[in-house]
N, C-alpha and C. Protein backbone atom coordinates (compact mmCIF):
# COMPACT_ATOMS: atom_id res chain seq x y z
N MET A 1 0.70 -1.09 0.16
CA MET A 1 0.05 -0.06 -0.19
C MET A 1 0.92 1.26 0.05
N ASN A 2 0.70 2.13 -0.87
CA ASN A 2 1.41 3.50 -0.90
C ASN A 2 0.37 4.61 -0.96
N THR A 3 0.46 5.45 0.14
CA THR A 3 -0.40 6.60 0.21
C THR A 3 0.42 7.86 0.39
N GLU A 4 0.10 8.87 -0.44
CA GLU A 4 1.01 10.03 -0.54
C GLU A 4 0.24 11.23 -0.88
N VAL A 5 0.43 12.40 -0.06
CA VAL A 5 -0.17 13.70 -0.22
C VAL A 5 0.91 14.75 -0.18
N GLY A 6 0.85 15.69 -1.14
CA GLY A 6 1.86 16.89 -1.18
C GLY A 6 1.28 18.17 -1.31
N PHE A 7 2.10 19.09 -1.14
CA PHE A 7 1.88 20.62 -1.27
C PHE A 7 3.03 21.21 -1.80
N LYS A 8 2.78 22.06 -2.99
CA LYS A 8 3.69 22.91 -3.71
C LYS A 8 3.21 24.30 -3.69
N TYR A 9 4.20 25.10 -3.41
CA TYR A 9 3.95 26.72 -3.34
C TYR A 9 5.27 27.34 -3.93
N GLN A 10 5.14 28.41 -4.90
CA GLN A 10 6.15 29.07 -5.21
C GLN A 10 5.63 30.58 -5.47
N SER A 11 6.62 31.55 -4.83
CA SER A 11 6.41 32.86 -4.98
C SER A 11 7.71 33.43 -5.26
N LYS A 12 7.76 34.97 -5.28
CA LYS A 12 9.16 35.40 -5.47
C LYS A 12 10.00 35.25 -4.37
N TRP A 13 9.60 35.05 -3.20
CA TRP A 13 10.48 34.96 -1.94
C TRP A 13 10.33 33.49 -1.26
N ILE A 14 9.54 32.59 -1.85
CA ILE A 14 9.72 31.24 -1.25
C ILE A 14 9.37 30.24 -2.26
N TYR A 15 10.08 29.06 -2.01
CA TYR A 15 9.39 27.82 -2.68
C TYR A 15 9.40 26.82 -1.84
N ALA A 16 8.29 25.93 -1.84
CA ALA A 16 8.08 24.91 -0.98
C ALA A 16 7.53 23.83 -1.54
N ASP A 17 8.12 22.67 -1.27
CA ASP A 17 7.60 21.28 -1.78
C ASP A 17 7.58 20.36 -0.71
N ILE A 18 6.43 20.09 -0.08
CA ILE A 18 6.51 19.24 1.13
C ILE A 18 5.47 17.95 0.71
N THR A 19 5.91 16.82 1.14
CA THR A 19 5.16 15.52 0.71
C THR A 19 5.19 14.64 2.14
N ALA A 20 3.93 14.15 2.54
CA ALA A 20 3.80 13.23 3.42
C ALA A 20 3.23 11.92 2.87
N TYR A 21 3.78 10.76 3.43
CA TYR A 21 3.51 9.33 2.84
C TYR A 21 3.39 8.29 3.88
N ARG A 22 2.81 7.40 3.40
CA ARG A 22 2.73 6.13 4.37
C ARG A 22 3.01 4.94 3.27
N LYS A 23 3.88 4.01 3.52
CA LYS A 23 4.09 2.93 2.55
C LYS A 23 4.23 1.59 3.55
N ILE A 24 3.19 0.58 3.19
CA ILE A 24 3.32 -0.83 3.86
C ILE A 24 3.62 -1.63 2.81
N PHE A 25 4.63 -2.57 3.27
CA PHE A 25 4.89 -3.62 2.40
C PHE A 25 4.86 -5.04 3.05
N SER A 26 4.46 -6.11 2.41
CA SER A 26 4.40 -7.46 2.94
C SER A 26 5.00 -8.30 2.01
N GLY A 27 5.27 -9.57 2.50
CA GLY A 27 5.91 -10.68 1.62
C GLY A 27 7.27 -10.31 1.05
N LEU A 28 8.04 -9.64 1.85
CA LEU A 28 9.46 -9.44 1.42
C LEU A 28 10.42 -10.58 1.99
N LEU A 29 11.34 -11.07 1.17
CA LEU A 29 12.29 -12.14 1.43
C LEU A 29 13.60 -11.65 1.82
N TYR A 30 14.01 -12.40 2.79
CA TYR A 30 15.37 -12.16 3.32
C TYR A 30 16.19 -13.47 4.02
N THR A 31 17.31 -13.64 3.85
CA THR A 31 18.22 -14.65 4.39
C THR A 31 19.10 -14.09 5.17
N PRO A 32 19.10 -14.09 6.58
CA PRO A 32 20.20 -13.53 7.41
C PRO A 32 21.40 -14.48 7.33
N THR A 33 22.64 -13.64 7.50
CA THR A 33 23.94 -14.49 7.64
C THR A 33 24.58 -14.15 8.88
N ASN A 34 25.57 -14.87 9.32
CA ASN A 34 26.56 -14.50 10.54
C ASN A 34 27.68 -13.70 10.06
N GLY A 35 28.55 -13.35 11.00
CA GLY A 35 29.68 -12.59 10.67
C GLY A 35 30.67 -13.21 9.66
N LEU A 36 30.49 -14.40 9.55
CA LEU A 36 31.37 -15.16 8.47
C LEU A 36 30.64 -15.02 7.01
N GLY A 37 29.48 -14.52 6.95
CA GLY A 37 28.67 -14.55 5.66
C GLY A 37 27.97 -15.75 5.46
N VAL A 38 27.93 -16.68 6.39
CA VAL A 38 27.08 -17.93 6.19
C VAL A 38 25.70 -17.75 6.53
N PRO A 39 24.77 -18.25 5.73
CA PRO A 39 23.41 -18.27 5.98
C PRO A 39 23.02 -18.88 7.28
N GLY A 40 22.26 -18.20 8.09
CA GLY A 40 21.79 -18.69 9.40
C GLY A 40 20.61 -19.49 9.47
N MET A 41 19.76 -19.41 8.61
CA MET A 41 18.39 -20.11 8.65
C MET A 41 17.75 -19.88 7.32
N ASN A 42 16.60 -20.59 7.09
CA ASN A 42 15.98 -20.29 5.96
C ASN A 42 15.34 -18.81 5.51
N GLN A 43 14.88 -18.63 4.34
CA GLN A 43 14.56 -17.38 4.11
C GLN A 43 13.23 -16.84 5.03
N LEU A 44 13.37 -15.59 5.41
CA LEU A 44 12.25 -14.97 6.08
C LEU A 44 11.30 -14.52 5.23
N VAL A 45 10.09 -14.34 5.55
CA VAL A 45 9.00 -13.57 4.90
C VAL A 45 8.39 -12.55 6.09
N TYR A 46 8.68 -11.30 5.72
CA TYR A 46 8.34 -10.28 6.55
C TYR A 46 7.77 -8.94 5.86
N GLY A 47 7.59 -7.95 6.53
CA GLY A 47 7.22 -6.66 5.81
C GLY A 47 7.54 -5.44 6.78
N SER A 48 7.16 -4.28 6.28
CA SER A 48 7.54 -3.19 6.73
C SER A 48 6.40 -2.03 6.75
N ASP A 49 6.42 -1.06 7.62
CA ASP A 49 5.51 0.09 7.85
C ASP A 49 6.18 1.35 7.98
N SER A 50 6.06 2.34 6.94
CA SER A 50 6.82 3.60 7.01
C SER A 50 5.90 4.73 6.85
N LYS A 51 6.14 5.76 7.70
CA LYS A 51 5.41 6.90 7.56
C LYS A 51 6.54 8.04 7.65
N GLY A 52 6.28 9.13 6.72
CA GLY A 52 7.39 10.19 6.74
C GLY A 52 6.95 11.27 6.03
N ILE A 53 7.86 12.39 6.19
CA ILE A 53 7.65 13.70 5.34
C ILE A 53 8.91 14.06 4.87
N ASN A 54 8.76 14.53 3.53
CA ASN A 54 9.99 14.99 2.73
C ASN A 54 9.70 16.44 2.52
N VAL A 55 10.89 17.25 2.73
CA VAL A 55 10.71 18.83 2.58
C VAL A 55 11.67 19.41 1.78
N ASN A 56 11.48 20.13 0.76
CA ASN A 56 12.37 20.78 -0.20
C ASN A 56 11.73 22.37 -0.04
N LEU A 57 12.62 23.13 0.69
CA LEU A 57 12.29 24.47 0.97
C LEU A 57 13.31 25.55 0.48
N ALA A 58 13.06 26.61 -0.15
CA ALA A 58 14.02 27.71 -0.42
C ALA A 58 13.31 29.04 0.02
N VAL A 59 13.79 29.78 0.70
CA VAL A 59 13.52 31.13 1.14
C VAL A 59 14.48 32.19 0.75
N THR A 60 14.07 33.36 0.15
CA THR A 60 14.83 34.41 -0.12
C THR A 60 14.33 35.59 0.47
N PRO A 61 14.82 35.94 1.78
CA PRO A 61 14.41 36.98 2.66
C PRO A 61 14.90 38.25 2.03
N LEU A 62 15.99 38.23 1.40
CA LEU A 62 16.83 39.46 0.90
C LEU A 62 17.20 39.23 -0.36
N GLN A 63 17.35 40.21 -1.22
CA GLN A 63 17.80 40.06 -2.42
C GLN A 63 19.24 39.39 -2.54
N ASN A 64 19.47 38.44 -3.35
CA ASN A 64 20.74 37.73 -3.23
C ASN A 64 21.04 36.82 -2.30
N LEU A 65 20.10 36.66 -1.28
CA LEU A 65 20.37 35.80 -0.05
C LEU A 65 19.26 34.72 -0.24
N THR A 66 19.75 33.43 -0.26
CA THR A 66 18.72 32.27 -0.17
C THR A 66 19.13 31.36 0.75
N VAL A 67 18.07 30.75 1.56
CA VAL A 67 18.27 29.78 2.48
C VAL A 67 17.51 28.52 2.12
N ARG A 68 18.20 27.51 1.95
CA ARG A 68 17.58 26.13 1.43
C ARG A 68 17.58 25.19 2.65
N LEU A 69 16.48 24.39 2.65
CA LEU A 69 16.42 23.29 3.52
C LEU A 69 15.95 22.16 2.78
N VAL A 70 16.55 21.07 2.87
CA VAL A 70 16.27 19.81 2.21
C VAL A 70 16.33 18.69 3.29
N GLY A 71 15.19 18.04 3.56
CA GLY A 71 15.44 17.00 4.51
C GLY A 71 14.19 16.04 4.65
N ASN A 72 14.28 15.05 5.47
CA ASN A 72 13.16 14.02 5.62
C ASN A 72 13.06 13.43 6.87
N TYR A 73 11.90 13.13 7.32
CA TYR A 73 11.72 12.48 8.67
C TYR A 73 10.96 11.08 8.18
N LEU A 74 11.71 10.03 8.72
CA LEU A 74 11.11 8.63 8.24
C LEU A 74 10.87 7.71 9.68
N ASP A 75 9.70 7.48 9.86
CA ASP A 75 9.47 6.66 11.02
C ASP A 75 8.89 5.07 10.35
N GLY A 76 10.18 4.42 10.16
CA GLY A 76 9.92 3.12 9.30
C GLY A 76 10.35 1.97 10.25
N ILE A 77 9.47 1.00 10.27
CA ILE A 77 9.58 -0.28 11.21
C ILE A 77 9.36 -1.52 10.41
N TYR A 78 10.06 -2.76 11.07
CA TYR A 78 9.74 -4.02 10.27
C TYR A 78 8.55 -4.55 11.02
N THR A 79 7.51 -5.27 10.21
CA THR A 79 6.49 -5.89 10.60
C THR A 79 6.18 -7.29 10.16
N HIS A 80 5.19 -7.81 10.48
CA HIS A 80 4.73 -9.20 9.93
C HIS A 80 5.55 -10.33 10.16
N TYR A 81 6.50 -10.08 11.28
CA TYR A 81 7.53 -11.10 11.80
C TYR A 81 7.84 -11.08 13.08
N SER A 82 7.07 -11.69 13.96
CA SER A 82 7.22 -11.56 15.41
C SER A 82 8.25 -12.58 16.19
N ALA A 83 8.71 -13.65 15.38
CA ALA A 83 9.64 -14.66 15.94
C ALA A 83 10.96 -14.16 16.27
N CYS A 84 11.56 -14.88 17.12
CA CYS A 84 12.97 -14.54 17.50
C CYS A 84 13.93 -15.32 16.40
N ILE A 85 14.70 -14.48 15.87
CA ILE A 85 15.58 -14.91 14.82
C ILE A 85 16.93 -15.25 15.37
N PRO A 86 17.39 -16.52 15.26
CA PRO A 86 18.71 -16.96 15.81
C PRO A 86 19.81 -16.33 15.02
N PHE A 87 21.03 -16.08 15.79
CA PHE A 87 22.14 -15.78 15.04
C PHE A 87 23.29 -15.90 15.73
N VAL A 88 24.58 -15.96 15.22
CA VAL A 88 25.89 -16.35 15.89
C VAL A 88 26.63 -15.07 16.00
N ASN A 89 27.24 -14.69 17.01
CA ASN A 89 27.98 -13.41 17.31
C ASN A 89 29.32 -13.95 17.71
N LEU A 90 30.28 -13.54 16.92
CA LEU A 90 31.57 -14.04 17.17
C LEU A 90 32.23 -13.66 18.59
N VAL A 91 31.65 -12.59 19.26
CA VAL A 91 32.13 -12.27 20.62
C VAL A 91 31.29 -12.92 21.79
N THR A 92 29.95 -12.64 21.72
CA THR A 92 29.21 -13.12 22.63
C THR A 92 28.46 -14.45 22.44
N GLY A 93 28.66 -15.18 21.46
CA GLY A 93 28.07 -16.48 21.16
C GLY A 93 26.87 -16.37 20.51
N ASN A 94 25.94 -17.37 20.60
CA ASN A 94 24.61 -17.60 20.08
C ASN A 94 23.68 -16.78 20.68
N GLY A 95 22.74 -16.12 19.86
CA GLY A 95 21.50 -15.30 20.34
C GLY A 95 20.46 -15.42 19.53
N CYS A 96 19.29 -14.55 19.77
CA CYS A 96 18.32 -14.37 18.85
C CYS A 96 17.81 -13.02 19.16
N ALA A 97 17.15 -12.43 18.11
CA ALA A 97 16.71 -11.12 18.08
C ALA A 97 15.27 -11.22 17.27
N VAL A 98 14.35 -10.09 17.99
CA VAL A 98 13.08 -9.84 17.30
C VAL A 98 13.16 -8.75 16.49
N ILE A 99 12.93 -8.78 15.21
CA ILE A 99 12.89 -7.67 14.32
C ILE A 99 11.56 -6.91 14.15
N GLU A 100 10.41 -7.45 14.74
CA GLU A 100 9.25 -6.66 14.80
C GLU A 100 9.25 -5.51 15.55
N GLY A 101 9.08 -4.35 14.93
CA GLY A 101 9.15 -3.02 15.54
C GLY A 101 10.45 -2.33 15.67
N GLN A 102 11.48 -3.06 14.96
CA GLN A 102 12.93 -2.44 14.83
C GLN A 102 12.82 -1.36 13.73
N GLN A 103 13.82 -0.39 13.86
CA GLN A 103 13.95 0.73 12.76
C GLN A 103 14.44 0.01 11.56
N LEU A 104 14.13 0.49 10.44
CA LEU A 104 14.68 -0.06 9.05
C LEU A 104 16.24 0.17 8.98
N GLN A 105 16.78 -0.74 8.59
CA GLN A 105 18.18 -0.72 8.50
C GLN A 105 18.60 0.42 7.70
N ARG A 106 19.87 1.02 7.98
CA ARG A 106 20.33 2.15 7.23
C ARG A 106 19.56 3.34 6.96
N GLN A 107 18.48 3.43 7.52
CA GLN A 107 17.60 4.65 7.34
C GLN A 107 17.38 5.51 8.73
N PRO A 108 18.05 6.69 8.65
CA PRO A 108 17.91 7.28 9.95
C PRO A 108 16.39 7.89 9.89
N LYS A 109 16.21 8.17 11.24
CA LYS A 109 14.61 8.86 11.35
C LYS A 109 14.64 10.17 10.76
N VAL A 110 15.72 11.04 11.04
CA VAL A 110 15.80 12.42 10.64
C VAL A 110 17.17 12.55 9.76
N ARG A 111 16.94 13.42 8.68
CA ARG A 111 18.09 13.66 7.88
C ARG A 111 17.87 15.09 7.13
N PHE A 112 18.82 15.90 7.36
CA PHE A 112 18.47 17.24 6.64
C PHE A 112 19.78 18.04 6.33
N ALA A 113 19.57 18.77 5.42
CA ALA A 113 20.77 19.67 5.06
C ALA A 113 20.33 20.98 4.91
N LEU A 114 20.93 22.04 5.53
CA LEU A 114 20.63 23.61 5.68
C LEU A 114 21.72 24.32 4.90
N GLN A 115 21.33 25.13 3.85
CA GLN A 115 22.37 25.71 3.00
C GLN A 115 21.96 27.10 2.89
N PRO A 116 22.58 28.26 3.48
CA PRO A 116 22.31 29.57 3.32
C PRO A 116 23.45 29.95 2.15
N SER A 117 23.11 30.80 1.06
CA SER A 117 24.02 31.17 0.00
C SER A 117 23.75 32.54 -0.19
N TYR A 118 24.75 33.35 -0.71
CA TYR A 118 24.80 34.61 -1.05
C TYR A 118 25.49 34.93 -2.36
N THR A 119 24.79 35.71 -3.31
CA THR A 119 25.30 35.87 -4.46
C THR A 119 25.60 37.57 -4.62
N ILE A 120 26.90 37.84 -5.06
CA ILE A 120 27.49 39.20 -5.33
C ILE A 120 27.48 39.51 -6.75
N PRO A 121 26.65 40.30 -7.29
CA PRO A 121 26.77 40.51 -8.64
C PRO A 121 27.81 41.40 -8.94
N THR A 122 28.70 41.43 -9.90
CA THR A 122 29.63 42.24 -10.46
C THR A 122 29.65 42.75 -11.91
N THR A 123 30.48 43.67 -12.18
CA THR A 123 30.35 44.00 -13.69
C THR A 123 31.09 42.91 -14.55
N TRP A 124 31.89 42.18 -14.02
CA TRP A 124 32.49 41.06 -14.65
C TRP A 124 31.86 39.76 -14.65
N GLY A 125 30.77 39.75 -13.86
CA GLY A 125 30.27 38.36 -13.73
C GLY A 125 29.48 38.29 -12.25
N GLY A 126 30.04 37.58 -11.41
CA GLY A 126 29.40 37.25 -10.10
C GLY A 126 30.20 36.36 -9.14
N VAL A 127 29.85 36.37 -7.81
CA VAL A 127 30.38 35.53 -6.85
C VAL A 127 29.29 34.92 -6.16
N ASN A 128 29.23 33.55 -5.93
CA ASN A 128 28.30 32.93 -5.13
C ASN A 128 28.94 32.26 -3.93
N MET A 129 28.51 32.46 -2.93
CA MET A 129 29.17 31.85 -1.57
C MET A 129 28.16 31.14 -0.81
N PHE A 130 28.48 29.79 -0.40
CA PHE A 130 27.39 28.98 0.34
C PHE A 130 28.09 28.22 1.46
N VAL A 131 27.32 27.73 2.52
CA VAL A 131 27.65 26.83 3.65
C VAL A 131 26.73 25.98 3.78
N THR A 132 26.98 24.72 3.75
CA THR A 132 25.87 23.63 4.02
C THR A 132 26.20 22.73 5.41
N TYR A 133 25.16 22.95 6.18
CA TYR A 133 25.22 22.11 7.47
C TYR A 133 24.40 20.80 7.21
N SER A 134 25.12 19.77 7.38
CA SER A 134 24.05 18.47 7.24
C SER A 134 24.01 17.66 8.51
N ASP A 135 23.03 16.96 8.77
CA ASP A 135 22.77 16.19 10.02
C ASP A 135 22.17 14.88 9.60
N VAL A 136 22.77 13.89 10.00
CA VAL A 136 22.37 12.51 9.74
C VAL A 136 22.02 11.71 11.24
N GLY A 137 20.82 11.40 11.34
CA GLY A 137 20.35 10.83 12.76
C GLY A 137 20.81 9.21 12.85
N GLN A 138 20.35 8.91 14.22
CA GLN A 138 20.81 7.54 14.45
C GLN A 138 20.20 6.48 13.40
N HIS A 139 21.17 5.53 12.92
CA HIS A 139 20.75 4.53 12.10
C HIS A 139 21.43 3.22 12.22
N THR A 140 21.08 2.21 11.69
CA THR A 140 21.46 0.70 12.13
C THR A 140 21.95 0.02 10.95
N GLN A 141 22.85 -0.96 11.31
CA GLN A 141 23.36 -1.69 10.26
C GLN A 141 22.30 -2.58 9.64
N ASP A 142 21.63 -3.55 10.47
CA ASP A 142 20.79 -4.57 9.99
C ASP A 142 19.34 -4.53 10.71
N GLN A 143 18.60 -5.49 10.24
CA GLN A 143 17.19 -5.69 10.76
C GLN A 143 17.01 -5.75 12.25
N SER A 144 18.08 -6.38 12.83
CA SER A 144 17.87 -6.63 14.39
C SER A 144 18.12 -5.36 15.12
N GLY A 145 18.68 -4.36 14.61
CA GLY A 145 18.77 -3.17 15.30
C GLY A 145 19.93 -3.18 16.47
N LEU A 146 20.84 -4.52 16.36
CA LEU A 146 21.72 -4.59 17.45
C LEU A 146 23.12 -3.82 17.05
N GLN A 147 23.41 -3.52 15.81
CA GLN A 147 24.66 -2.79 15.43
C GLN A 147 24.23 -1.37 15.01
N GLN A 148 24.36 -0.59 16.05
CA GLN A 148 24.17 0.87 15.80
C GLN A 148 25.26 1.46 15.05
N LEU A 149 24.92 2.38 14.22
CA LEU A 149 25.93 3.21 13.51
C LEU A 149 26.12 4.76 13.91
N GLY A 150 25.26 5.05 14.90
CA GLY A 150 25.44 6.54 15.42
C GLY A 150 24.98 7.59 14.58
N THR A 151 25.31 8.73 14.95
CA THR A 151 24.84 9.96 14.01
C THR A 151 26.12 10.67 13.81
N TYR A 152 25.90 11.62 12.87
CA TYR A 152 27.11 12.40 12.47
C TYR A 152 26.61 13.81 11.80
N GLU A 153 27.31 14.89 11.85
CA GLU A 153 27.16 16.10 11.30
C GLU A 153 28.36 16.52 10.39
N THR A 154 28.16 17.08 9.33
CA THR A 154 29.12 17.79 8.52
C THR A 154 28.86 19.21 8.11
N LEU A 155 30.03 19.81 7.85
CA LEU A 155 29.94 21.34 7.36
C LEU A 155 30.88 21.44 6.06
N ASP A 156 30.14 21.92 5.06
CA ASP A 156 30.60 22.15 3.69
C ASP A 156 30.86 23.54 3.36
N PHE A 157 31.59 24.10 2.43
CA PHE A 157 31.34 25.51 2.02
C PHE A 157 31.92 25.32 0.58
N GLY A 158 31.49 26.58 -0.17
CA GLY A 158 32.00 26.76 -1.50
C GLY A 158 31.88 28.39 -1.84
N ILE A 159 33.00 28.62 -2.69
CA ILE A 159 32.92 30.00 -3.28
C ILE A 159 33.15 29.83 -4.80
N ILE A 160 32.25 30.45 -5.51
CA ILE A 160 32.18 30.13 -7.07
C ILE A 160 32.14 31.52 -7.66
N GLY A 161 33.25 31.74 -8.51
CA GLY A 161 33.30 33.08 -9.14
C GLY A 161 33.12 32.97 -10.60
N ASN A 162 32.18 33.64 -11.39
CA ASN A 162 32.20 33.43 -12.67
C ASN A 162 32.55 34.77 -13.46
N ILE A 163 33.55 34.60 -14.21
CA ILE A 163 34.16 35.70 -15.05
C ILE A 163 33.81 35.73 -16.43
N GLY A 164 32.94 36.79 -16.84
CA GLY A 164 32.52 36.82 -18.30
C GLY A 164 31.58 35.42 -18.57
N ASP A 165 31.62 35.12 -19.84
CA ASP A 165 31.02 34.05 -20.28
C ASP A 165 31.52 32.58 -20.28
N HIS A 166 32.78 32.57 -19.97
CA HIS A 166 33.57 31.24 -20.06
C HIS A 166 34.27 30.89 -18.91
N TRP A 167 34.74 31.72 -17.92
CA TRP A 167 35.64 31.32 -16.83
C TRP A 167 34.89 31.07 -15.55
N GLU A 168 35.23 30.17 -14.88
CA GLU A 168 34.59 29.77 -13.67
C GLU A 168 35.68 29.44 -12.64
N LEU A 169 35.73 30.06 -11.48
CA LEU A 169 36.82 29.77 -10.38
C LEU A 169 36.03 29.26 -9.08
N ARG A 170 36.47 28.18 -8.52
CA ARG A 170 35.83 27.56 -7.66
C ARG A 170 36.76 26.97 -6.51
N LEU A 171 36.37 27.39 -5.24
CA LEU A 171 36.99 26.81 -4.12
C LEU A 171 36.02 26.19 -3.37
N GLN A 172 36.27 25.00 -2.95
CA GLN A 172 35.28 24.15 -2.36
C GLN A 172 35.69 23.21 -1.19
N GLY A 173 35.14 23.16 -0.07
CA GLY A 173 35.67 22.22 1.09
C GLY A 173 34.52 21.48 1.36
N THR A 174 34.82 20.15 1.84
CA THR A 174 33.88 19.05 2.33
C THR A 174 34.32 18.74 3.53
N ASN A 175 33.33 18.41 4.53
CA ASN A 175 33.53 17.76 5.89
C ASN A 175 34.70 18.65 6.52
N VAL A 176 34.65 19.97 6.50
CA VAL A 176 35.73 20.76 7.00
C VAL A 176 36.04 20.80 8.46
N THR A 177 35.10 20.17 9.17
CA THR A 177 35.35 19.92 10.69
C THR A 177 35.92 18.64 11.02
N ASN A 178 36.19 17.77 9.88
CA ASN A 178 36.76 16.46 9.85
C ASN A 178 36.04 15.55 10.89
N GLU A 179 34.74 15.60 10.66
CA GLU A 179 33.75 14.81 11.52
C GLU A 179 34.03 13.42 11.37
N LEU A 180 33.92 12.52 12.30
CA LEU A 180 33.93 11.07 12.22
C LEU A 180 32.47 10.34 12.19
N GLY A 181 32.34 9.49 11.33
CA GLY A 181 30.95 8.99 11.14
C GLY A 181 30.95 7.80 10.28
N LEU A 182 29.91 6.99 10.45
CA LEU A 182 29.83 5.74 9.80
C LEU A 182 28.56 6.01 8.74
N THR A 183 28.68 5.75 7.52
CA THR A 183 27.43 6.08 6.64
C THR A 183 26.75 4.66 6.50
N GLU A 184 27.33 3.50 6.36
CA GLU A 184 26.63 2.35 6.50
C GLU A 184 27.81 1.11 6.80
N SER A 185 27.09 -0.11 6.98
CA SER A 185 27.91 -1.26 7.25
C SER A 185 27.44 -2.43 6.34
N ASN A 186 27.87 -3.63 6.75
CA ASN A 186 27.40 -4.83 6.08
C ASN A 186 26.02 -5.22 6.42
N SER A 187 25.14 -4.77 5.62
CA SER A 187 23.64 -5.09 5.94
C SER A 187 23.15 -6.67 5.75
N ARG A 188 24.17 -7.38 5.27
CA ARG A 188 23.96 -8.91 5.12
C ARG A 188 24.09 -9.67 6.49
N ILE A 189 24.93 -8.98 7.42
CA ILE A 189 25.20 -9.62 8.66
C ILE A 189 24.08 -9.38 9.52
N PHE A 190 23.51 -10.47 10.13
CA PHE A 190 22.26 -10.19 11.18
C PHE A 190 22.96 -10.16 12.48
N GLY A 191 22.49 -9.22 13.24
CA GLY A 191 23.10 -9.21 14.70
C GLY A 191 24.18 -8.18 14.68
N ALA A 192 24.86 -8.09 15.94
CA ALA A 192 25.80 -7.39 16.09
C ALA A 192 27.08 -7.77 15.29
N ALA A 193 27.56 -6.83 14.40
CA ALA A 193 28.71 -7.24 13.63
C ALA A 193 30.19 -7.03 14.12
N ALA A 194 30.28 -6.70 15.31
CA ALA A 194 31.73 -6.47 15.79
C ALA A 194 32.36 -7.87 16.03
N GLY A 195 33.74 -7.88 15.52
CA GLY A 195 34.48 -9.09 15.79
C GLY A 195 35.42 -8.93 16.91
N ALA A 196 36.49 -9.54 16.85
CA ALA A 196 37.56 -9.44 17.88
C ALA A 196 38.13 -8.03 18.00
N GLY A 197 38.07 -7.44 19.30
CA GLY A 197 38.52 -6.14 19.47
C GLY A 197 37.50 -5.13 19.18
N GLY A 198 36.23 -5.50 19.05
CA GLY A 198 35.08 -4.56 18.61
C GLY A 198 35.24 -3.87 17.42
N VAL A 199 35.92 -4.54 16.45
CA VAL A 199 36.16 -3.93 15.20
C VAL A 199 34.99 -4.40 14.19
N ILE A 200 34.39 -3.38 13.38
CA ILE A 200 33.17 -3.79 12.49
C ILE A 200 33.76 -3.40 11.14
N LEU A 201 33.16 -4.06 10.02
CA LEU A 201 33.44 -3.50 8.65
C LEU A 201 32.29 -2.54 8.16
N ALA A 202 32.80 -1.39 7.94
CA ALA A 202 31.75 -0.22 7.84
C ALA A 202 32.50 0.81 6.78
N ARG A 203 31.56 1.68 6.27
CA ARG A 203 32.06 2.72 5.45
C ARG A 203 32.04 4.06 6.05
N PRO A 204 33.24 4.66 6.37
CA PRO A 204 33.24 5.96 7.17
C PRO A 204 33.11 7.18 6.18
N LEU A 205 32.81 8.31 6.93
CA LEU A 205 32.88 9.50 6.06
C LEU A 205 34.21 9.86 5.67
N GLU A 206 34.39 10.40 4.51
CA GLU A 206 35.83 10.89 3.97
C GLU A 206 36.08 12.13 4.90
N GLY A 207 37.46 12.16 5.14
CA GLY A 207 37.77 13.23 5.95
C GLY A 207 37.86 14.80 5.31
N ARG A 208 38.37 15.49 6.02
CA ARG A 208 38.44 17.03 5.39
C ARG A 208 39.03 17.24 4.13
N GLU A 209 38.55 17.93 3.20
CA GLU A 209 38.93 18.08 1.86
C GLU A 209 38.75 19.35 1.48
N VAL A 210 39.81 20.13 0.75
CA VAL A 210 39.67 21.46 0.45
C VAL A 210 40.24 21.50 -1.14
N ASN A 211 39.45 21.89 -2.25
CA ASN A 211 40.07 21.93 -3.44
C ASN A 211 39.77 23.11 -4.36
N ALA A 212 40.46 23.40 -5.13
CA ALA A 212 40.26 24.48 -6.05
C ALA A 212 40.31 24.18 -7.48
N GLN A 213 39.44 24.79 -8.21
CA GLN A 213 39.29 24.53 -9.72
C GLN A 213 39.17 25.74 -10.54
N VAL A 214 39.84 25.71 -11.74
CA VAL A 214 39.61 26.65 -12.92
C VAL A 214 38.94 25.91 -13.81
N LYS A 215 37.83 26.48 -14.53
CA LYS A 215 37.07 25.95 -15.41
C LYS A 215 36.90 26.91 -16.65
N TYR A 216 37.11 26.47 -17.93
CA TYR A 216 36.71 27.18 -19.21
C TYR A 216 35.73 26.61 -19.96
N SER A 217 34.80 27.34 -20.35
CA SER A 217 33.58 26.77 -21.20
C SER A 217 33.87 27.40 -22.52
N PHE A 218 33.89 26.41 -23.44
CA PHE A 218 33.90 26.81 -24.95
C PHE A 218 32.56 27.14 -25.54
N GLY A 219 31.48 27.18 -24.75
CA GLY A 219 30.20 27.18 -25.36
C GLY A 219 30.01 28.75 -25.42
N PRO A 220 29.11 29.20 -26.25
CA PRO A 220 28.65 30.68 -26.40
C PRO A 220 28.26 31.22 -25.08
């Protein structure tokens, strides 16, 4: 079942695109594996229930100043399977976990990016400056919810100068605060994925990066 309702509005100073939805799935198939990648039991048949809001908003309170907000709230849980699923943990040994009511894997409840930008018009072109603050909420590795991946925040910036019709100068930085965070882990491992020494296989954020670019366009 998929139910969705939305609202769009645009004027000189604001653009708003807001959507609320609910999605229910059933009959989904999944075969959990242990930390060694070995299937732990027969295929599961389960479902999910998700309710959320997506927001795309841009406000221009002053000439040349724009504040953008892109984000979503997702309340998604697993359903239609209330049994306890056995798994093997390399550290604690055998166990079992109930996925009914657990947060959907790798899907944070709250995720958003806030970006103020300012454009300076000039006789030779223009300069656009922006800062982007992003926030990713608590998210999990797998359906059991036993391997939490935490939260993280990032800060990016950019300065873009356009000279005439052909030249573009760009200075851009990503994750300038050198934030530590995990974006995802091995979703095929059921249960806690930490091995000896508490180490897990996961994808981290890239560290601080600042780069400069000079671009020439041959178009008219």
